[in-house]
Amino acid sequence: MQAVAKKFNLGIVVVTLGARDLIEDSQEKMQELLARHVSGDWGDIDDEDKALNDSALQHGVRLLSSYTVDGEKIWVITEADRSSTTILLPSEY
């Protein structure tokens, strides 16, 4: 995997059981999802939410990315204080 320009710290990374099972059953690797998230590639969210994330980088607000893995949505959420990042399915929120 190519080096990624980090826009923020992930903190402690936590993965829920459902997300772990989906990632394990997929070609998509957890590191790739995290690399996309930390580089500001917010994935499958609308332009308004992308703008909110871009603003959150400057103002210390929670960050949310959404990606599709094997036809299922998976979220990556970094807390406002950047102490932790959680990878989860929307149904586990």
PDB file of N, CA and C in Angstrom:
ATOM      1  N   MET A   1       0.846  -1.182   0.000  1.00  0.00           N
ATOM      2  CA  MET A   1       0.000   0.000   0.000  1.00  0.00           C
ATOM      3  C   MET A   1       0.887   1.239   0.000  1.00  0.00           C
ATOM      4  N   GLN A   2       0.489   2.239  -0.744  1.00  0.00           N
ATOM      5  CA  GLN A   2       1.230   3.474  -0.896  1.00  0.00           C
ATOM      6  C   GLN A   2       1.084   4.339   0.357  1.00  0.00           C
ATOM      7  N   ALA A   3       2.102   5.122   0.691  1.00  0.00           N
ATOM      8  CA  ALA A   3       2.051   6.032   1.834  1.00  0.00           C
ATOM      9  C   ALA A   3       0.935   7.047   1.621  1.00  0.00           C
ATOM     10  N   VAL A   4       0.248   7.368   2.717  1.00  0.00           N
ATOM     11  CA  VAL A   4      -0.906   8.254   2.659  1.00  0.00           C
ATOM     12  C   VAL A   4      -0.613   9.512   3.468  1.00  0.00           C
ATOM     13  N   ALA A   5      -1.023  10.664   2.958  1.00  0.00           N
ATOM     14  CA  ALA A   5      -0.892  11.911   3.708  1.00  0.00           C
ATOM     15  C   ALA A   5      -2.007  11.960   4.752  1.00  0.00           C
ATOM     16  N   LYS A   6      -1.631  11.831   6.013  1.00  0.00           N
ATOM     17  CA  LYS A   6      -2.605  11.837   7.108  1.00  0.00           C
ATOM     18  C   LYS A   6      -3.086  13.256   7.387  1.00  0.00           C
ATOM     19  N   LYS A   7      -4.403  13.411   7.487  1.00  0.00           N
ATOM     20  CA  LYS A   7      -4.983  14.710   7.806  1.00  0.00           C
ATOM     21  C   LYS A   7      -5.323  14.838   9.287  1.00  0.00           C
ATOM     22  N   PHE A   8      -5.331  13.709  10.021  1.00  0.00           N
ATOM     23  CA  PHE A   8      -5.652  13.724  11.445  1.00  0.00           C
ATOM     24  C   PHE A   8      -5.200  12.402  12.044  1.00  0.00           C
ATOM     25  N   ASN A   9      -5.189  12.335  13.361  1.00  0.00           N
ATOM     26  CA  ASN A   9      -4.840  11.104  14.065  1.00  0.00           C
ATOM     27  C   ASN A   9      -6.088  10.246  14.263  1.00  0.00           C
ATOM     28  N   LEU A  10      -5.919   8.943  14.164  1.00  0.00           N
ATOM     29  CA  LEU A  10      -7.029   8.011  14.348  1.00  0.00           C
ATOM     30  C   LEU A  10      -7.269   7.669  15.816  1.00  0.00           C
ATOM     31  N   GLY A  11      -6.265   7.815  16.652  1.00  0.00           N
ATOM     32  CA  GLY A  11      -6.387   7.366  18.035  1.00  0.00           C
ATOM     33  C   GLY A  11      -6.425   5.841  18.065  1.00  0.00           C
ATOM     34  N   ILE A  12      -7.070   5.294  19.074  1.00  0.00           N
ATOM     35  CA  ILE A  12      -7.228   3.846  19.188  1.00  0.00           C
ATOM     36  C   ILE A  12      -8.271   3.394  18.173  1.00  0.00           C
ATOM     37  N   VAL A  13      -7.964   2.355  17.419  1.00  0.00           N
ATOM     38  CA  VAL A  13      -8.903   1.843  16.410  1.00  0.00           C
ATOM     39  C   VAL A  13      -9.641   0.644  16.986  1.00  0.00           C
ATOM     40  N   VAL A  14     -10.976   0.714  16.922  1.00  0.00           N
ATOM     41  CA  VAL A  14     -11.851  -0.341  17.413  1.00  0.00           C
ATOM     42  C   VAL A  14     -12.699  -0.834  16.247  1.00  0.00           C
ATOM     43  N   VAL A  15     -12.891  -2.139  16.159  1.00  0.00           N
ATOM     44  CA  VAL A  15     -13.697  -2.731  15.090  1.00  0.00           C
ATOM     45  C   VAL A  15     -14.787  -3.570  15.731  1.00  0.00           C
ATOM     46  N   THR A  16     -16.037  -3.335  15.335  1.00  0.00           N
ATOM     47  CA  THR A  16     -17.144  -4.131  15.861  1.00  0.00           C
ATOM     48  C   THR A  16     -17.115  -5.525  15.232  1.00  0.00           C
ATOM     49  N   LEU A  17     -17.834  -6.451  15.834  1.00  0.00           N
ATOM     50  CA  LEU A  17     -17.856  -7.827  15.329  1.00  0.00           C
ATOM     51  C   LEU A  17     -18.411  -7.907  13.910  1.00  0.00           C
ATOM     52  N   GLY A  18     -19.506  -7.205  13.657  1.00  0.00           N
ATOM     53  CA  GLY A  18     -20.107  -7.248  12.328  1.00  0.00           C
ATOM     54  C   GLY A  18     -19.188  -6.703  11.258  1.00  0.00           C
ATOM     55  N   ALA A  19     -18.521  -5.589  11.555  1.00  0.00           N
ATOM     56  CA  ALA A  19     -17.580  -4.998  10.595  1.00  0.00           C
ATOM     57  C   ALA A  19     -16.385  -5.920  10.390  1.00  0.00           C
ATOM     58  N   ARG A  20     -15.897  -6.500  11.470  1.00  0.00           N
ATOM     59  CA  ARG A  20     -14.758  -7.424  11.353  1.00  0.00           C
ATOM     60  C   ARG A  20     -15.118  -8.602  10.455  1.00  0.00           C
ATOM     61  N   ASP A  21     -16.303  -9.179  10.667  1.00  0.00           N
ATOM     62  CA  ASP A  21     -16.729 -10.312   9.849  1.00  0.00           C
ATOM     63  C   ASP A  21     -16.851  -9.920   8.379  1.00  0.00           C
ATOM     64  N   LEU A  22     -17.405  -8.740   8.108  1.00  0.00           N
ATOM     65  CA  LEU A  22     -17.550  -8.282   6.726  1.00  0.00           C
ATOM     66  C   LEU A  22     -16.184  -8.063   6.079  1.00  0.00           C
ATOM     67  N   ILE A  23     -15.271  -7.439   6.796  1.00  0.00           N
ATOM     68  CA  ILE A  23     -13.949  -7.166   6.245  1.00  0.00           C
ATOM     69  C   ILE A  23     -13.183  -8.461   6.024  1.00  0.00           C
ATOM     70  N   GLU A  24     -13.288  -9.405   6.949  1.00  0.00           N
ATOM     71  CA  GLU A  24     -12.590 -10.679   6.791  1.00  0.00           C
ATOM     72  C   GLU A  24     -13.086 -11.453   5.585  1.00  0.00           C
ATOM     73  N   ASP A  25     -14.368 -11.295   5.246  1.00  0.00           N
ATOM     74  CA  ASP A  25     -14.960 -12.012   4.127  1.00  0.00           C
ATOM     75  C   ASP A  25     -14.799 -11.250   2.809  1.00  0.00           C
ATOM     76  N   SER A  26     -14.020 -10.187   2.811  1.00  0.00           N
ATOM     77  CA  SER A  26     -13.923  -9.315   1.650  1.00  0.00           C
ATOM     78  C   SER A  26     -12.487  -9.166   1.179  1.00  0.00           C
ATOM     79  N   GLN A  27     -12.341  -8.695  -0.043  1.00  0.00           N
ATOM     80  CA  GLN A  27     -11.027  -8.345  -0.579  1.00  0.00           C
ATOM     81  C   GLN A  27     -10.536  -7.037   0.054  1.00  0.00           C
ATOM     82  N   GLU A  28     -11.478  -6.220   0.515  1.00  0.00           N
ATOM     83  CA  GLU A  28     -11.154  -4.906   1.097  1.00  0.00           C
ATOM     84  C   GLU A  28     -10.475  -5.104   2.444  1.00  0.00           C
ATOM     85  N   LYS A  29      -9.360  -4.481   2.650  1.00  0.00           N
ATOM     86  CA  LYS A  29      -8.621  -4.623   3.888  1.00  0.00           C
ATOM     87  C   LYS A  29      -8.917  -3.447   4.820  1.00  0.00           C
ATOM     88  N   MET A  30      -8.886  -3.732   6.123  1.00  0.00           N
ATOM     89  CA  MET A  30      -9.134  -2.698   7.112  1.00  0.00           C
ATOM     90  C   MET A  30      -8.155  -1.532   6.940  1.00  0.00           C
ATOM     91  N   GLN A  31      -6.901  -1.813   6.664  1.00  0.00           N
ATOM     92  CA  GLN A  31      -5.911  -0.760   6.496  1.00  0.00           C
ATOM     93  C   GLN A  31      -6.259   0.161   5.329  1.00  0.00           C
ATOM     94  N   GLU A  32      -6.829  -0.401   4.279  1.00  0.00           N
ATOM     95  CA  GLU A  32      -7.217   0.415   3.127  1.00  0.00           C
ATOM     96  C   GLU A  32      -8.354   1.359   3.492  1.00  0.00           C
ATOM     97  N   LEU A  33      -9.328   0.864   4.262  1.00  0.00           N
ATOM     98  CA  LEU A  33     -10.429   1.725   4.707  1.00  0.00           C
ATOM     99  C   LEU A  33      -9.898   2.850   5.584  1.00  0.00           C
ATOM    100  N   LEU A  34      -9.015   2.509   6.510  1.00  0.00           N
ATOM    101  CA  LEU A  34      -8.448   3.521   7.399  1.00  0.00           C
ATOM    102  C   LEU A  34      -7.597   4.524   6.631  1.00  0.00           C
ATOM    103  N   ALA A  35      -6.848   4.054   5.642  1.00  0.00           N
ATOM    104  CA  ALA A  35      -6.028   4.954   4.825  1.00  0.00           C
ATOM    105  C   ALA A  35      -6.909   5.937   4.060  1.00  0.00           C
ATOM    106  N   ARG A  36      -8.006   5.467   3.520  1.00  0.00           N
ATOM    107  CA  ARG A  36      -8.934   6.359   2.804  1.00  0.00           C
ATOM    108  C   ARG A  36      -9.503   7.398   3.762  1.00  0.00           C
ATOM    109  N   HIS A  37      -9.939   6.936   4.927  1.00  0.00           N
ATOM    110  CA  HIS A  37     -10.551   7.819   5.925  1.00  0.00           C
ATOM    111  C   HIS A  37      -9.562   8.899   6.376  1.00  0.00           C
ATOM    112  N   VAL A  38      -8.365   8.495   6.774  1.00  0.00           N
ATOM    113  CA  VAL A  38      -7.385   9.434   7.337  1.00  0.00           C
ATOM    114  C   VAL A  38      -6.835  10.402   6.288  1.00  0.00           C
ATOM    115  N   SER A  39      -6.980  10.053   5.004  1.00  0.00           N
ATOM    116  CA  SER A  39      -6.508  10.946   3.941  1.00  0.00           C
ATOM    117  C   SER A  39      -7.585  11.926   3.488  1.00  0.00           C
ATOM    118  N   GLY A  40      -8.799  11.805   4.062  1.00  0.00           N
ATOM    119  CA  GLY A  40      -9.881  12.722   3.679  1.00  0.00           C
ATOM    120  C   GLY A  40     -10.737  12.217   2.541  1.00  0.00           C
ATOM    121  N   ASP A  41     -10.586  10.956   2.162  1.00  0.00           N
ATOM    122  CA  ASP A  41     -11.484  10.334   1.182  1.00  0.00           C
ATOM    123  C   ASP A  41     -12.666   9.793   1.993  1.00  0.00           C
ATOM    124  N   TRP A  42     -13.736  10.549   2.052  1.00  0.00           N
ATOM    125  CA  TRP A  42     -14.871  10.239   2.925  1.00  0.00           C
ATOM    126  C   TRP A  42     -15.794   9.172   2.353  1.00  0.00           C
ATOM    127  N   GLY A  43     -15.515   8.719   1.143  1.00  0.00           N
ATOM    128  CA  GLY A  43     -16.283   7.609   0.586  1.00  0.00           C
ATOM    129  C   GLY A  43     -17.638   8.000   0.044  1.00  0.00           C
ATOM    130  N   ASP A  44     -18.628   7.182   0.392  1.00  0.00           N
ATOM    131  CA  ASP A  44     -19.970   7.272  -0.191  1.00  0.00           C
ATOM    132  C   ASP A  44     -20.914   8.147   0.627  1.00  0.00           C
ATOM    133  N   ILE A  45     -20.497   9.386   0.901  1.00  0.00           N
ATOM    134  CA  ILE A  45     -21.398  10.321   1.577  1.00  0.00           C
ATOM    135  C   ILE A  45     -21.679  11.474   0.623  1.00  0.00           C
ATOM    136  N   ASP A  46     -22.753  12.206   0.901  1.00  0.00           N
ATOM    137  CA  ASP A  46     -23.124  13.283  -0.017  1.00  0.00           C
ATOM    138  C   ASP A  46     -22.204  14.493   0.161  1.00  0.00           C
ATOM    139  N   ASP A  47     -22.315  15.429  -0.767  1.00  0.00           N
ATOM    140  CA  ASP A  47     -21.425  16.595  -0.779  1.00  0.00           C
ATOM    141  C   ASP A  47     -21.549  17.428   0.492  1.00  0.00           C
ATOM    142  N   GLU A  48     -22.749  17.539   1.042  1.00  0.00           N
ATOM    143  CA  GLU A  48     -22.942  18.310   2.276  1.00  0.00           C
ATOM    144  C   GLU A  48     -22.173  17.671   3.434  1.00  0.00           C
ATOM    145  N   ASP A  49     -22.258  16.342   3.562  1.00  0.00           N
ATOM    146  CA  ASP A  49     -21.531  15.650   4.628  1.00  0.00           C
ATOM    147  C   ASP A  49     -20.022  15.706   4.400  1.00  0.00           C
ATOM    148  N   LYS A  50     -19.595  15.663   3.146  1.00  0.00           N
ATOM    149  CA  LYS A  50     -18.168  15.815   2.852  1.00  0.00           C
ATOM    150  C   LYS A  50     -17.680  17.185   3.307  1.00  0.00           C
ATOM    151  N   ALA A  51     -18.468  18.222   3.040  1.00  0.00           N
ATOM    152  CA  ALA A  51     -18.108  19.581   3.463  1.00  0.00           C
ATOM    153  C   ALA A  51     -18.073  19.680   4.989  1.00  0.00           C
ATOM    154  N   LEU A  52     -19.012  19.001   5.664  1.00  0.00           N
ATOM    155  CA  LEU A  52     -19.010  18.992   7.128  1.00  0.00           C
ATOM    156  C   LEU A  52     -17.746  18.325   7.657  1.00  0.00           C
ATOM    157  N   ASN A  53     -17.335  17.218   7.050  1.00  0.00           N
ATOM    158  CA  ASN A  53     -16.093  16.552   7.457  1.00  0.00           C
ATOM    159  C   ASN A  53     -14.887  17.459   7.229  1.00  0.00           C
ATOM    160  N   ASP A  54     -14.840  18.114   6.080  1.00  0.00           N
ATOM    161  CA  ASP A  54     -13.719  19.009   5.793  1.00  0.00           C
ATOM    162  C   ASP A  54     -13.647  20.127   6.833  1.00  0.00           C
ATOM    163  N   SER A  55     -14.794  20.656   7.222  1.00  0.00           N
ATOM    164  CA  SER A  55     -14.850  21.682   8.266  1.00  0.00           C
ATOM    165  C   SER A  55     -14.460  21.104   9.626  1.00  0.00           C
ATOM    166  N   ALA A  56     -14.878  19.874   9.883  1.00  0.00           N
ATOM    167  CA  ALA A  56     -14.575  19.217  11.160  1.00  0.00           C
ATOM    168  C   ALA A  56     -13.075  19.047  11.367  1.00  0.00           C
ATOM    169  N   LEU A  57     -12.319  18.932  10.293  1.00  0.00           N
ATOM    170  CA  LEU A  57     -10.862  18.833  10.407  1.00  0.00           C
ATOM    171  C   LEU A  57     -10.281  20.075  11.072  1.00  0.00           C
ATOM    172  N   GLN A  58     -10.873  21.221  10.803  1.00  0.00           N
ATOM    173  CA  GLN A  58     -10.386  22.487  11.348  1.00  0.00           C
ATOM    174  C   GLN A  58     -10.940  22.784  12.743  1.00  0.00           C
ATOM    175  N   HIS A  59     -12.123  22.226  13.041  1.00  0.00           N
ATOM    176  CA  HIS A  59     -12.827  22.614  14.265  1.00  0.00           C
ATOM    177  C   HIS A  59     -12.964  21.499  15.288  1.00  0.00           C
ATOM    178  N   GLY A  60     -12.307  20.377  15.069  1.00  0.00           N
ATOM    179  CA  GLY A  60     -12.311  19.308  16.058  1.00  0.00           C
ATOM    180  C   GLY A  60     -13.668  18.680  16.305  1.00  0.00           C
ATOM    181  N   VAL A  61     -14.364  18.342  15.242  1.00  0.00           N
ATOM    182  CA  VAL A  61     -15.678  17.695  15.331  1.00  0.00           C
ATOM    183  C   VAL A  61     -15.540  16.263  14.813  1.00  0.00           C
ATOM    184  N   ARG A  62     -16.474  15.414  15.186  1.00  0.00           N
ATOM    185  CA  ARG A  62     -16.454  14.010  14.770  1.00  0.00           C
ATOM    186  C   ARG A  62     -16.423  13.889  13.252  1.00  0.00           C
ATOM    187  N   LEU A  63     -15.712  12.877  12.767  1.00  0.00           N
ATOM    188  CA  LEU A  63     -15.578  12.603  11.335  1.00  0.00           C
ATOM    189  C   LEU A  63     -16.253  11.273  11.001  1.00  0.00           C
ATOM    190  N   LEU A  64     -17.007  11.241   9.908  1.00  0.00           N
ATOM    191  CA  LEU A  64     -17.701  10.022   9.488  1.00  0.00           C
ATOM    192  C   LEU A  64     -17.440   9.764   8.011  1.00  0.00           C
ATOM    193  N   SER A  65     -16.933   8.576   7.725  1.00  0.00           N
ATOM    194  CA  SER A  65     -16.804   8.111   6.342  1.00  0.00           C
ATOM    195  C   SER A  65     -17.705   6.909   6.155  1.00  0.00           C
ATOM    196  N   SER A  66     -18.138   6.702   4.933  1.00  0.00           N
ATOM    197  CA  SER A  66     -18.979   5.555   4.607  1.00  0.00           C
ATOM    198  C   SER A  66     -18.446   4.917   3.333  1.00  0.00           C
ATOM    199  N   TYR A  67     -18.224   3.617   3.390  1.00  0.00           N
ATOM    200  CA  TYR A  67     -17.702   2.881   2.242  1.00  0.00           C
ATOM    201  C   TYR A  67     -18.587   1.673   1.977  1.00  0.00           C
ATOM    202  N   THR A  68     -18.525   1.153   0.770  1.00  0.00           N
ATOM    203  CA  THR A  68     -19.262  -0.049   0.420  1.00  0.00           C
ATOM    204  C   THR A  68     -18.279  -1.196   0.288  1.00  0.00           C
ATOM    205  N   VAL A  69     -18.533  -2.245   1.045  1.00  0.00           N
ATOM    206  CA  VAL A  69     -17.698  -3.442   1.032  1.00  0.00           C
ATOM    207  C   VAL A  69     -18.606  -4.625   0.726  1.00  0.00           C
ATOM    208  N   ASP A  70     -18.350  -5.307  -0.348  1.00  0.00           N
ATOM    209  CA  ASP A  70     -19.175  -6.446  -0.770  1.00  0.00           C
ATOM    210  C   ASP A  70     -20.663  -6.108  -0.772  1.00  0.00           C
ATOM    211  N   GLY A  71     -21.001  -4.922  -1.252  1.00  0.00           N
ATOM    212  CA  GLY A  71     -22.394  -4.508  -1.360  1.00  0.00           C
ATOM    213  C   GLY A  71     -23.021  -4.036  -0.060  1.00  0.00           C
ATOM    214  N   GLU A  72     -22.252  -4.014   1.032  1.00  0.00           N
ATOM    215  CA  GLU A  72     -22.773  -3.552   2.325  1.00  0.00           C
ATOM    216  C   GLU A  72     -22.050  -2.282   2.739  1.00  0.00           C
ATOM    217  N   LYS A  73     -22.801  -1.403   3.386  1.00  0.00           N
ATOM    218  CA  LYS A  73     -22.246  -0.153   3.872  1.00  0.00           C
ATOM    219  C   LYS A  73     -21.465  -0.407   5.161  1.00  0.00           C
ATOM    220  N   ILE A  74     -20.321   0.252   5.274  1.00  0.00           N
ATOM    221  CA  ILE A  74     -19.513   0.182   6.485  1.00  0.00           C
ATOM    222  C   ILE A  74     -19.091   1.610   6.823  1.00  0.00           C
ATOM    223  N   TRP A  75     -19.176   1.967   8.105  1.00  0.00           N
ATOM    224  CA  TRP A  75     -18.813   3.312   8.543  1.00  0.00           C
ATOM    225  C   TRP A  75     -17.478   3.301   9.267  1.00  0.00           C
ATOM    226  N   VAL A  76     -16.760   4.409   9.147  1.00  0.00           N
ATOM    227  CA  VAL A  76     -15.551   4.663   9.923  1.00  0.00           C
ATOM    228  C   VAL A  76     -15.776   6.014  10.601  1.00  0.00           C
ATOM    229  N   ILE A  77     -15.774   6.011  11.932  1.00  0.00           N
ATOM    230  CA  ILE A  77     -16.062   7.221  12.699  1.00  0.00           C
ATOM    231  C   ILE A  77     -14.892   7.534  13.618  1.00  0.00           C
ATOM    232  N   THR A  78     -14.363   8.748  13.505  1.00  0.00           N
ATOM    233  CA  THR A  78     -13.326   9.225  14.415  1.00  0.00           C
ATOM    234  C   THR A  78     -13.943  10.263  15.339  1.00  0.00           C
ATOM    235  N   GLU A  79     -13.730  10.074  16.633  1.00  0.00           N
ATOM    236  CA  GLU A  79     -14.308  10.967  17.633  1.00  0.00           C
ATOM    237  C   GLU A  79     -13.723  12.372  17.534  1.00  0.00           C
ATOM    238  N   ALA A  80     -14.451  13.342  18.043  1.00  0.00           N
ATOM    239  CA  ALA A  80     -14.059  14.747  17.954  1.00  0.00           C
ATOM    240  C   ALA A  80     -12.688  15.015  18.566  1.00  0.00           C
ATOM    241  N   ASP A  81     -12.369  14.333  19.673  1.00  0.00           N
ATOM    242  CA  ASP A  81     -11.071  14.557  20.320  1.00  0.00           C
ATOM    243  C   ASP A  81      -9.948  13.725  19.698  1.00  0.00           C
ATOM    244  N   ARG A  82     -10.276  12.967  18.639  1.00  0.00           N
ATOM    245  CA  ARG A  82      -9.335  12.121  17.899  1.00  0.00           C
ATOM    246  C   ARG A  82      -8.701  11.041  18.771  1.00  0.00           C
ATOM    247  N   SER A  83      -9.395  10.667  19.860  1.00  0.00           N
ATOM    248  CA  SER A  83      -8.873   9.631  20.754  1.00  0.00           C
ATOM    249  C   SER A  83      -9.150   8.229  20.249  1.00  0.00           C
ATOM    250  N   SER A  84     -10.171   8.085  19.392  1.00  0.00           N
ATOM    251  CA  SER A  84     -10.506   6.756  18.890  1.00  0.00           C
ATOM    252  C   SER A  84     -11.236   6.836  17.558  1.00  0.00           C
ATOM    253  N   THR A  85     -11.119   5.741  16.824  1.00  0.00           N
ATOM    254  CA  THR A  85     -11.812   5.559  15.554  1.00  0.00           C
ATOM    255  C   THR A  85     -12.482   4.204  15.604  1.00  0.00           C
ATOM    256  N   THR A  86     -13.746   4.154  15.209  1.00  0.00           N
ATOM    257  CA  THR A  86     -14.507   2.913  15.219  1.00  0.00           C
ATOM    258  C   THR A  86     -14.919   2.550  13.802  1.00  0.00           C
ATOM    259  N   ILE A  87     -14.717   1.293  13.447  1.00  0.00           N
ATOM    260  CA  ILE A  87     -15.195   0.747  12.176  1.00  0.00           C
ATOM    261  C   ILE A  87     -16.403  -0.113  12.516  1.00  0.00           C
ATOM    262  N   LEU A  88     -17.544   0.181  11.904  1.00  0.00           N
ATOM    263  CA  LEU A  88     -18.773  -0.513  12.260  1.00  0.00           C
ATOM    264  C   LEU A  88     -19.757  -0.541  11.103  1.00  0.00           C
ATOM    265  N   LEU A  89     -20.746  -1.395  11.237  1.00  0.00           N
ATOM    266  CA  LEU A  89     -21.870  -1.420  10.314  1.00  0.00           C
ATOM    267  C   LEU A  89     -22.893  -0.407  10.824  1.00  0.00           C
ATOM    268  N   PRO A  90     -23.652   0.234   9.925  1.00  0.00           N
ATOM    269  CA  PRO A  90     -24.678   1.170  10.384  1.00  0.00           C
ATOM    270  C   PRO A  90     -25.659   0.534  11.377  1.00  0.00           C
ATOM    271  N   SER A  91     -25.953  -0.747  11.218  1.00  0.00           N
ATOM    272  CA  SER A  91     -26.880  -1.425  12.123  1.00  0.00           C
ATOM    273  C   SER A  91     -26.304  -1.583  13.524  1.00  0.00           C
ATOM    274  N   GLU A  92     -24.993  -1.383  13.683  1.00  0.00           N
ATOM    275  CA  GLU A  92     -24.341  -1.523  14.983  1.00  0.00           C
ATOM    276  C   GLU A  92     -24.172  -0.160  15.685  1.00  0.00           C
ATOM    277  N   TYR A  93     -24.654   0.904  15.066  1.00  0.00           N
ATOM    278  CA  TYR A  93     -24.487   2.246  15.625  1.00  0.00           C
ATOM    279  C   TYR A  93     -25.356   2.423  16.841  1.00  0.00           C
TER     280      TYR A  93
END
